[in-house]
N, C-alpha and C. Protein backbone atom coordinates (compact mmCIF):
# COMPACT_ATOMS: atom_id res chain seq x y z
N MET A 1 48.48 -71.75 5.95
CA MET A 1 48.14 -72.07 4.48
C MET A 1 49.08 -71.25 3.94
N ARG A 2 49.41 -71.61 2.66
CA ARG A 2 50.30 -70.79 1.76
C ARG A 2 49.56 -70.47 0.48
N ILE A 3 49.03 -69.22 0.22
CA ILE A 3 48.31 -68.77 -0.95
C ILE A 3 48.92 -68.11 -1.98
N ILE A 4 49.10 -68.55 -3.10
CA ILE A 4 49.83 -67.91 -4.37
C ILE A 4 48.77 -67.15 -4.94
N ILE A 5 48.90 -65.78 -5.07
CA ILE A 5 48.06 -64.80 -5.78
C ILE A 5 48.73 -64.42 -7.15
N ILE A 6 47.86 -64.34 -8.20
CA ILE A 6 48.27 -63.96 -9.39
C ILE A 6 47.26 -62.91 -9.74
N GLU A 7 47.65 -61.39 -9.89
CA GLU A 7 46.89 -60.31 -10.03
C GLU A 7 47.45 -59.43 -10.48
N ASP A 8 47.03 -58.67 -11.56
CA ASP A 8 48.00 -57.42 -11.97
C ASP A 8 47.45 -56.11 -11.63
N ASP A 9 46.08 -56.18 -10.47
CA ASP A 9 46.07 -54.86 -10.26
C ASP A 9 46.59 -54.83 -8.68
N TYR A 10 47.41 -53.85 -8.60
CA TYR A 10 48.27 -53.78 -7.07
C TYR A 10 47.37 -53.64 -6.04
N TYR A 11 46.38 -52.62 -6.15
CA TYR A 11 45.39 -52.43 -5.32
C TYR A 11 44.39 -53.59 -4.60
N ILE A 12 44.11 -54.41 -5.77
CA ILE A 12 43.30 -55.56 -5.34
C ILE A 12 44.39 -56.40 -4.56
N PHE A 13 45.68 -56.74 -5.09
CA PHE A 13 46.47 -57.70 -4.33
C PHE A 13 46.69 -57.12 -3.01
N GLN A 14 46.94 -55.90 -2.78
CA GLN A 14 47.20 -55.21 -1.63
C GLN A 14 46.14 -55.53 -0.66
N ASP A 15 45.02 -55.24 -1.15
CA ASP A 15 43.82 -55.57 -0.13
C ASP A 15 43.76 -57.10 0.33
N LEU A 16 43.96 -58.04 -0.69
CA LEU A 16 43.70 -59.21 -0.53
C LEU A 16 44.95 -59.77 0.50
N THR A 17 46.03 -59.21 0.19
CA THR A 17 47.33 -59.71 1.01
C THR A 17 46.97 -59.02 2.60
N ARG A 18 46.54 -57.96 2.42
CA ARG A 18 46.50 -57.38 4.06
C ARG A 18 45.52 -58.17 4.69
N PHE A 19 44.24 -58.50 3.99
CA PHE A 19 43.27 -59.40 4.65
C PHE A 19 43.61 -60.63 5.14
N LEU A 20 44.37 -61.27 3.97
CA LEU A 20 44.55 -62.76 4.43
C LEU A 20 45.89 -62.91 5.19
N GLU A 21 46.63 -62.13 5.39
CA GLU A 21 47.72 -62.19 6.16
C GLU A 21 47.24 -61.89 7.74
N GLY A 22 46.23 -61.10 7.72
CA GLY A 22 45.63 -60.58 9.17
C GLY A 22 44.83 -61.79 9.84
N GLU A 23 44.41 -62.81 8.72
CA GLU A 23 43.74 -63.87 8.88
C GLU A 23 44.85 -64.99 9.14
N GLY A 24 46.11 -64.93 9.18
CA GLY A 24 46.95 -65.87 9.34
C GLY A 24 47.58 -66.68 8.22
N PHE A 25 47.02 -66.32 7.21
CA PHE A 25 47.66 -66.96 5.90
C PHE A 25 48.97 -66.48 5.61
N THR A 26 49.75 -67.22 4.76
CA THR A 26 50.98 -66.86 4.20
C THR A 26 50.64 -66.33 2.41
N THR A 27 50.89 -65.33 2.00
CA THR A 27 50.69 -64.98 0.56
C THR A 27 51.81 -64.69 0.09
N HIS A 28 51.89 -64.91 -1.33
CA HIS A 28 53.12 -64.74 -2.32
C HIS A 28 52.40 -64.36 -3.53
N PHE A 29 52.89 -63.32 -4.07
CA PHE A 29 52.29 -62.52 -5.11
C PHE A 29 53.16 -62.42 -6.60
N HIS A 30 52.28 -62.75 -7.69
CA HIS A 30 52.79 -62.51 -9.05
C HIS A 30 51.78 -61.81 -9.93
N THR A 31 52.25 -61.12 -10.79
CA THR A 31 51.50 -60.35 -11.76
C THR A 31 51.13 -60.99 -13.19
N ASN A 32 51.89 -62.47 -13.24
CA ASN A 32 51.60 -63.10 -14.47
C ASN A 32 51.76 -64.38 -14.43
N ILE A 33 51.24 -65.45 -15.27
CA ILE A 33 51.37 -66.92 -15.17
C ILE A 33 52.49 -67.20 -15.13
N ALA A 34 53.63 -66.73 -15.84
CA ALA A 34 54.77 -67.26 -16.19
C ALA A 34 55.72 -67.39 -14.82
N ASP A 35 55.64 -66.33 -14.29
CA ASP A 35 56.45 -66.08 -12.91
C ASP A 35 55.52 -67.12 -11.91
N ALA A 36 54.32 -67.13 -12.13
CA ALA A 36 53.57 -68.10 -10.99
C ALA A 36 53.94 -69.54 -11.12
N VAL A 37 53.81 -69.67 -12.38
CA VAL A 37 54.52 -71.29 -12.59
C VAL A 37 55.88 -71.33 -12.20
N ARG A 38 56.77 -70.62 -12.34
CA ARG A 38 58.23 -70.83 -11.84
C ARG A 38 58.12 -71.16 -10.31
N SER A 39 57.25 -70.55 -9.59
CA SER A 39 57.15 -70.47 -8.29
C SER A 39 56.63 -71.95 -8.12
N LEU A 40 55.65 -72.34 -8.74
CA LEU A 40 55.06 -73.65 -8.29
C LEU A 40 55.79 -74.89 -8.43
N LEU A 41 56.90 -74.63 -9.77
CA LEU A 41 57.76 -75.51 -9.69
C LEU A 41 58.80 -75.89 -8.47
N VAL A 42 58.92 -74.81 -7.71
CA VAL A 42 59.90 -74.99 -6.64
C VAL A 42 59.48 -74.82 -5.35
N GLU A 43 58.13 -74.58 -5.10
CA GLU A 43 57.58 -73.95 -3.78
C GLU A 43 55.98 -74.79 -3.64
N GLU A 44 55.70 -75.00 -2.61
CA GLU A 44 54.55 -75.57 -2.26
C GLU A 44 53.44 -74.67 -1.86
N PHE A 45 52.22 -74.79 -2.28
CA PHE A 45 51.22 -73.84 -2.02
C PHE A 45 49.97 -74.85 -1.77
N ASP A 46 49.01 -74.06 -1.08
CA ASP A 46 47.74 -74.91 -0.57
C ASP A 46 46.77 -74.33 -1.50
N LEU A 47 46.75 -73.00 -2.17
CA LEU A 47 45.42 -72.47 -2.91
C LEU A 47 46.32 -71.34 -3.65
N MET A 48 45.45 -71.42 -4.84
CA MET A 48 45.83 -70.20 -5.74
C MET A 48 44.57 -69.40 -5.93
N LEU A 49 44.80 -67.98 -5.91
CA LEU A 49 43.86 -66.96 -6.18
C LEU A 49 44.52 -66.43 -7.77
N LEU A 50 43.42 -66.55 -8.53
CA LEU A 50 43.65 -66.02 -9.84
C LEU A 50 43.22 -65.20 -10.75
N ASP A 51 43.58 -64.04 -10.90
CA ASP A 51 42.95 -63.07 -11.75
C ASP A 51 42.41 -63.63 -12.95
N TYR A 52 41.03 -63.50 -13.39
CA TYR A 52 40.57 -63.93 -14.76
C TYR A 52 40.95 -63.34 -15.74
N HIS A 53 41.01 -61.91 -15.34
CA HIS A 53 41.50 -61.14 -16.81
C HIS A 53 43.15 -60.71 -16.93
N LEU A 54 43.89 -61.37 -16.90
CA LEU A 54 45.50 -61.10 -16.98
C LEU A 54 45.65 -60.59 -18.40
N PRO A 55 46.57 -59.54 -18.59
CA PRO A 55 46.79 -59.28 -19.99
C PRO A 55 47.33 -60.43 -20.59
N GLY A 56 46.62 -60.70 -21.89
CA GLY A 56 47.17 -61.64 -22.67
C GLY A 56 47.00 -63.26 -22.59
N LEU A 57 46.21 -63.48 -21.35
CA LEU A 57 45.74 -64.90 -20.84
C LEU A 57 44.67 -64.63 -19.90
N ASN A 58 43.42 -65.51 -20.31
CA ASN A 58 42.43 -65.29 -19.44
C ASN A 58 42.53 -66.61 -18.27
N GLY A 59 41.88 -66.53 -17.10
CA GLY A 59 41.83 -67.52 -16.51
C GLY A 59 41.57 -69.04 -16.72
N THR A 60 40.66 -69.22 -17.67
CA THR A 60 40.29 -70.56 -18.20
C THR A 60 41.55 -70.90 -19.10
N ASP A 61 42.14 -70.19 -19.64
CA ASP A 61 43.21 -70.45 -20.78
C ASP A 61 44.54 -71.07 -19.73
N ALA A 62 44.69 -70.17 -18.46
CA ALA A 62 45.78 -70.53 -17.69
C ALA A 62 45.69 -71.91 -16.88
N LEU A 63 44.21 -72.35 -16.48
CA LEU A 63 44.16 -73.46 -15.83
C LEU A 63 44.78 -74.67 -16.30
N PRO A 64 44.85 -74.92 -17.60
CA PRO A 64 45.59 -76.12 -17.83
C PRO A 64 46.94 -76.24 -17.49
N ILE A 65 47.61 -74.95 -17.88
CA ILE A 65 48.96 -74.65 -17.67
C ILE A 65 49.25 -74.86 -15.98
N ILE A 66 48.27 -74.32 -15.09
CA ILE A 66 48.63 -74.43 -13.68
C ILE A 66 48.33 -76.11 -13.48
N GLN A 67 47.41 -76.55 -13.95
CA GLN A 67 47.16 -78.09 -13.64
C GLN A 67 48.15 -79.17 -13.83
N GLU A 68 48.67 -78.77 -14.88
CA GLU A 68 49.90 -79.33 -15.43
C GLU A 68 51.04 -79.47 -14.26
N VAL A 69 51.30 -78.46 -13.78
CA VAL A 69 52.40 -78.04 -12.82
C VAL A 69 51.96 -78.68 -11.37
N SER A 70 50.71 -78.27 -11.24
CA SER A 70 50.24 -78.82 -9.78
C SER A 70 48.69 -79.03 -9.78
N PRO A 71 48.70 -80.30 -10.07
CA PRO A 71 47.31 -80.86 -10.37
C PRO A 71 46.25 -80.80 -9.35
N ARG A 72 46.79 -80.99 -8.06
CA ARG A 72 45.76 -80.79 -6.92
C ARG A 72 45.67 -79.59 -6.34
N LEU A 73 46.24 -78.39 -6.86
CA LEU A 73 46.14 -77.05 -6.21
C LEU A 73 44.72 -76.54 -6.51
N PRO A 74 43.97 -76.24 -5.74
CA PRO A 74 42.65 -75.53 -5.90
C PRO A 74 42.91 -74.22 -6.34
N VAL A 75 42.09 -73.63 -7.42
CA VAL A 75 42.25 -72.37 -7.97
C VAL A 75 40.88 -71.77 -7.81
N ILE A 76 40.84 -70.34 -7.17
CA ILE A 76 39.76 -69.79 -6.96
C ILE A 76 40.05 -68.55 -8.21
N LEU A 77 38.99 -68.38 -9.34
CA LEU A 77 39.28 -67.14 -10.03
C LEU A 77 38.44 -66.03 -9.54
N LEU A 78 39.25 -64.79 -9.72
CA LEU A 78 38.75 -63.80 -9.39
C LEU A 78 38.21 -62.78 -10.51
N VAL A 79 37.20 -62.58 -10.49
CA VAL A 79 36.40 -61.83 -11.94
C VAL A 79 35.94 -60.45 -11.61
N HIS A 80 35.58 -59.76 -12.70
CA HIS A 80 35.20 -58.37 -12.57
C HIS A 80 33.56 -58.75 -13.27
N ASP A 81 33.77 -59.33 -14.60
CA ASP A 81 32.47 -59.55 -15.31
C ASP A 81 32.83 -60.51 -16.02
N THR A 82 31.87 -61.63 -16.07
CA THR A 82 31.85 -62.85 -16.95
C THR A 82 30.63 -63.18 -17.37
N THR A 83 30.38 -63.99 -18.40
CA THR A 83 29.12 -64.54 -18.89
C THR A 83 28.95 -65.73 -18.09
N GLN A 84 27.83 -66.31 -17.99
CA GLN A 84 27.51 -67.59 -17.75
C GLN A 84 28.28 -68.57 -18.53
N GLU A 85 28.49 -68.53 -19.70
CA GLU A 85 29.14 -69.43 -20.56
C GLU A 85 30.77 -69.60 -19.97
N ASP A 86 31.28 -68.11 -19.83
CA ASP A 86 32.56 -68.13 -19.13
C ASP A 86 32.60 -69.06 -17.88
N ARG A 87 31.83 -68.56 -17.01
CA ARG A 87 31.72 -69.52 -15.57
C ARG A 87 31.71 -71.01 -15.91
N GLU A 88 30.81 -71.28 -16.62
CA GLU A 88 30.75 -72.74 -16.84
C GLU A 88 32.12 -73.27 -17.57
N LYS A 89 32.66 -72.75 -18.46
CA LYS A 89 33.97 -73.17 -19.17
C LYS A 89 34.96 -73.18 -18.02
N ALA A 90 35.04 -72.13 -17.27
CA ALA A 90 36.04 -72.14 -16.04
C ALA A 90 35.83 -73.18 -15.18
N LEU A 91 34.67 -73.64 -14.78
CA LEU A 91 34.37 -74.64 -13.80
C LEU A 91 34.88 -76.00 -14.39
N ARG A 92 34.46 -76.11 -15.61
CA ARG A 92 34.66 -77.55 -16.42
C ARG A 92 36.21 -77.48 -16.89
N ALA A 93 36.94 -76.29 -16.64
CA ALA A 93 38.43 -76.28 -17.14
C ALA A 93 39.34 -76.77 -15.67
N GLY A 94 38.43 -76.72 -14.35
CA GLY A 94 38.89 -77.11 -13.35
C GLY A 94 39.21 -75.97 -12.00
N ALA A 95 38.38 -74.63 -12.21
CA ALA A 95 38.49 -73.77 -11.26
C ALA A 95 37.64 -74.27 -10.17
N PHE A 96 37.96 -74.19 -8.89
CA PHE A 96 37.27 -74.57 -7.77
C PHE A 96 35.96 -73.66 -7.50
N CYS A 97 36.02 -72.54 -7.75
CA CYS A 97 34.96 -71.35 -7.66
C CYS A 97 35.39 -70.14 -8.39
N MET A 98 34.47 -69.24 -8.45
CA MET A 98 34.87 -68.00 -8.99
C MET A 98 34.25 -67.10 -7.88
N LEU A 99 35.13 -65.87 -7.81
CA LEU A 99 34.33 -64.78 -6.67
C LEU A 99 34.40 -63.58 -7.69
N LYS A 100 33.35 -62.59 -7.26
CA LYS A 100 33.36 -61.54 -8.11
C LYS A 100 33.91 -60.25 -7.32
N LYS A 101 34.97 -59.31 -8.12
CA LYS A 101 35.74 -58.51 -7.48
C LYS A 101 34.61 -57.25 -7.49
N PRO A 102 34.55 -56.31 -6.44
CA PRO A 102 35.60 -56.60 -5.37
C PRO A 102 35.32 -57.72 -4.63
N ILE A 103 36.38 -58.03 -3.84
CA ILE A 103 36.26 -59.51 -3.20
C ILE A 103 35.61 -59.22 -1.92
N ASN A 104 34.27 -59.82 -1.50
CA ASN A 104 33.82 -59.91 -0.25
C ASN A 104 34.69 -60.81 0.44
N HIS A 105 35.48 -60.17 1.77
CA HIS A 105 36.20 -61.05 2.37
C HIS A 105 35.37 -62.35 3.14
N ARG A 106 34.28 -62.03 3.53
CA ARG A 106 33.67 -63.25 4.23
C ARG A 106 33.38 -64.25 3.18
N ALA A 107 33.03 -63.78 1.94
CA ALA A 107 32.93 -64.94 0.86
C ALA A 107 34.28 -65.60 0.76
N LEU A 108 35.28 -64.72 0.42
CA LEU A 108 36.66 -65.39 0.24
C LEU A 108 36.96 -66.38 1.33
N LEU A 109 36.77 -65.91 2.63
CA LEU A 109 37.01 -66.91 3.69
C LEU A 109 36.15 -68.29 3.64
N ARG A 110 35.01 -68.10 3.16
CA ARG A 110 34.18 -69.41 3.01
C ARG A 110 34.69 -70.14 1.68
N ALA A 111 34.94 -69.54 0.80
CA ALA A 111 35.45 -70.24 -0.62
C ALA A 111 37.05 -71.12 0.10
N ILE A 112 37.74 -70.24 0.92
CA ILE A 112 39.00 -71.02 1.11
C ILE A 112 38.75 -72.25 2.18
N ARG A 113 37.56 -72.23 3.08
CA ARG A 113 37.23 -73.08 4.00
C ARG A 113 36.93 -74.40 3.15
N SER A 114 35.98 -74.15 2.02
CA SER A 114 35.58 -75.20 1.12
C SER A 114 36.51 -75.81 0.41
N THR A 115 37.77 -75.10 0.03
CA THR A 115 38.75 -75.88 -0.55
C THR A 115 39.56 -76.75 0.40
N ARG A 116 39.50 -76.44 1.54
CA ARG A 116 40.29 -77.44 2.74
C ARG A 116 39.53 -78.67 2.75
N ARG A 117 38.21 -78.54 2.50
CA ARG A 117 37.22 -79.88 2.38
C ARG A 117 37.05 -80.59 1.47
N SER A 118 37.77 -80.03 0.25
CA SER A 118 37.59 -80.92 -1.18
C SER A 118 38.54 -81.89 -1.00
N PRO A 119 37.87 -82.98 -1.81
CA PRO A 119 38.89 -84.21 -1.96
C PRO A 119 39.94 -84.04 -2.89
N ARG A 120 40.25 -82.88 -3.71
CA ARG A 120 41.13 -82.68 -4.45
C ARG A 120 42.19 -81.89 -3.69
N ARG A 121 41.90 -81.54 -2.43
CA ARG A 121 43.06 -80.79 -1.85
C ARG A 121 43.89 -81.48 -1.11
N LYS A 122 45.06 -81.23 -1.38
CA LYS A 122 46.14 -81.63 -0.87
C LYS A 122 47.37 -80.92 -1.10
N LYS A 123 48.37 -80.86 -0.41
CA LYS A 123 49.48 -79.59 -0.52
C LYS A 123 49.88 -80.03 -2.08
N ALA A 124 49.83 -78.93 -2.74
CA ALA A 124 50.20 -79.04 -4.14
C ALA A 124 51.57 -78.72 -4.33
N LYS A 125 52.41 -79.32 -5.12
CA LYS A 125 53.80 -79.04 -5.36
C LYS A 125 54.29 -79.56 -6.60
N GLY A 126 54.60 -78.94 -7.47
CA GLY A 126 55.09 -79.18 -8.68
C GLY A 126 56.30 -80.12 -8.71
N PRO A 127 56.68 -80.50 -9.74
CA PRO A 127 57.97 -81.17 -10.02
C PRO A 127 59.42 -80.54 -9.70
N ARG A 128 60.23 -81.04 -9.15
CA ARG A 128 61.31 -80.29 -9.00
C ARG A 128 62.22 -80.19 -10.25
N PRO A 129 62.79 -79.01 -10.67
CA PRO A 129 63.48 -78.91 -11.62
C PRO A 129 64.88 -79.88 -11.58
């Protein structure tokens, strides 16, 4: 399973990568949405882990951009603090689920397994340029 991670905190990314690759997943890392979208246009991914609080753009605002490029790509939002209203807005915007940082590895694996059973889940590939 190929997972694209968009996270601006290198230590969180490092923890996620070490854990996920140890579980047999392939990971790709970006620190911003623009670079991630470029990857989505030319590569196939099975799942996205998206930091909710990226500089200049929150996860809810990024979801329509991601869905335009890869409409079937499940997105798990990674959050420090959010309000109930933020959570509801993110789920309505298309997030598969939200996980609170620091990320509990068991909860992450459960969420990943859930995306595999989701009817939306097909290998997501953006249009070729």
